[in-house]
């Protein structure tokens, strides 16, 4: 099972006009402990995007963990900086900008 994301209602278009393709997405990401590493980034499509420009750190739902996250070099996915390198199973909150 791959990581999934629920897009939250606070998500919005990142700039004016409202028809802009750029979005600021607030999401709850459910990590499955297999994606997030260099070989298996979380695809931008999980967040309803084609390209990720930036990402906040991921915060676990019980506030026990903060994980650094970054777009892949080509912007098509999201990498997490964890040890081990995969996103540990759990629910995380993050804010992602892209289009």
Protein backbone atom coordinates (compact mmCIF):
# COMPACT_ATOMS: atom_id res chain seq x y z
CA UNK A 1 0.00 0.00 0.00
CA UNK A 2 1.39 3.41 -0.96
CA UNK A 3 1.21 6.56 1.15
CA UNK A 4 -2.08 8.43 0.88
CA UNK A 5 -3.09 12.04 1.57
CA UNK A 6 -6.32 13.75 2.55
CA UNK A 7 -6.47 17.31 1.27
CA UNK A 8 -7.80 19.59 4.02
CA UNK A 9 -10.36 22.37 3.54
CA UNK A 10 -7.80 25.10 4.33
CA UNK A 11 -6.03 24.34 1.04
CA UNK A 12 -6.15 27.24 -1.40
CA UNK A 13 -4.92 28.77 -4.60
CA UNK A 14 -1.49 30.24 -3.90
CA UNK A 15 -1.82 33.51 -5.80
CA UNK A 16 -4.29 35.76 -7.55
CA UNK A 17 -6.24 35.17 -9.80
CA UNK A 18 -8.23 32.29 -8.30
CA UNK A 19 -7.82 30.37 -11.57
CA UNK A 20 -4.06 30.13 -10.98
CA UNK A 21 -2.75 26.55 -11.24
CA UNK A 22 -0.49 27.13 -8.19
CA UNK A 23 -1.90 25.69 -4.98
CA UNK A 24 -1.07 25.64 -1.29
CA UNK A 25 -2.20 22.24 -0.07
CA UNK A 26 -2.67 21.36 3.59
CA UNK A 27 -2.75 17.59 3.87
CA UNK A 28 -2.89 14.70 6.28
CA UNK A 29 -0.44 12.12 4.96
CA UNK A 30 -0.78 8.51 6.03
CA UNK A 31 2.70 6.98 5.81
CA UNK A 32 3.00 3.28 5.14
CA UNK A 33 6.71 2.85 5.99
CA UNK A 34 7.66 2.12 2.34
CA UNK A 35 7.62 5.53 0.62
CA UNK A 36 9.55 8.74 1.15
CA UNK A 37 13.10 7.51 0.55
CA UNK A 38 15.23 8.46 -2.45
CA UNK A 39 14.17 5.39 -4.43
CA UNK A 40 10.49 5.67 -3.56
CA UNK A 41 9.36 9.31 -3.24
CA UNK A 42 5.71 10.06 -2.52
CA UNK A 43 4.31 11.12 -5.93
CA UNK A 44 3.05 14.70 -6.37
CA UNK A 45 -0.21 13.21 -7.65
CA UNK A 46 -1.01 11.99 -4.11
CA UNK A 47 -1.49 15.69 -3.27
CA UNK A 48 -3.43 16.51 -6.44
CA UNK A 49 -0.35 18.18 -7.96
CA UNK A 50 1.94 17.62 -10.94
CA UNK A 51 4.91 19.53 -9.50
CA UNK A 52 5.94 20.22 -5.89
CA UNK A 53 7.83 23.49 -5.29
CA UNK A 54 8.19 23.36 -1.49
CA UNK A 55 7.02 21.50 1.59
CA UNK A 56 6.87 22.10 5.32
CA UNK A 57 8.22 19.47 7.71
CA UNK A 58 5.80 16.63 8.43
CA UNK A 59 4.39 16.57 11.99
CA UNK A 60 3.08 13.27 13.35
CA UNK A 61 -0.50 13.34 14.67
CA UNK A 62 0.58 12.61 18.25
CA UNK A 63 3.17 15.45 18.12
CA UNK A 64 5.97 12.97 18.85
CA UNK A 65 7.90 13.40 15.59
CA UNK A 66 8.86 16.12 13.12
CA UNK A 67 10.28 14.91 9.80
CA UNK A 68 12.14 17.06 7.30
CA UNK A 69 10.64 16.85 3.78
CA UNK A 70 11.69 18.21 0.40
CA UNK A 71 10.56 18.00 -3.22
CA UNK A 72 12.54 15.65 -5.43
CA UNK A 73 15.10 17.29 -7.72
CA UNK A 74 12.62 17.23 -10.62
CA UNK A 75 9.62 18.23 -8.44
CA UNK A 76 7.57 15.14 -9.24
CA UNK A 77 7.58 13.75 -5.71
CA UNK A 78 8.29 14.29 -2.03
CA UNK A 79 11.29 12.92 -0.12
CA UNK A 80 11.49 12.64 3.65
CA UNK A 81 14.61 12.81 5.79
CA UNK A 82 14.12 9.95 8.22
CA UNK A 83 16.15 7.08 9.65
CA UNK A 84 15.48 4.57 8.30
CA UNK A 85 14.93 6.53 5.12
CA UNK A 86 11.25 5.63 4.70
CA UNK A 87 8.37 7.56 6.27
CA UNK A 88 7.39 5.62 9.41
CA UNK A 89 3.83 4.36 9.53
CA UNK A 90 1.48 6.98 10.96
CA UNK A 91 -0.52 10.11 10.14
CA UNK A 92 1.31 13.38 9.48
CA UNK A 93 0.32 16.99 8.73
CA UNK A 94 2.14 19.08 6.13
CA UNK A 95 1.75 22.10 3.85
CA UNK A 96 2.85 21.71 0.22
CA UNK A 97 3.10 24.33 -2.53
CA UNK A 98 3.04 23.44 -6.19
CA UNK A 99 0.91 23.10 -9.26
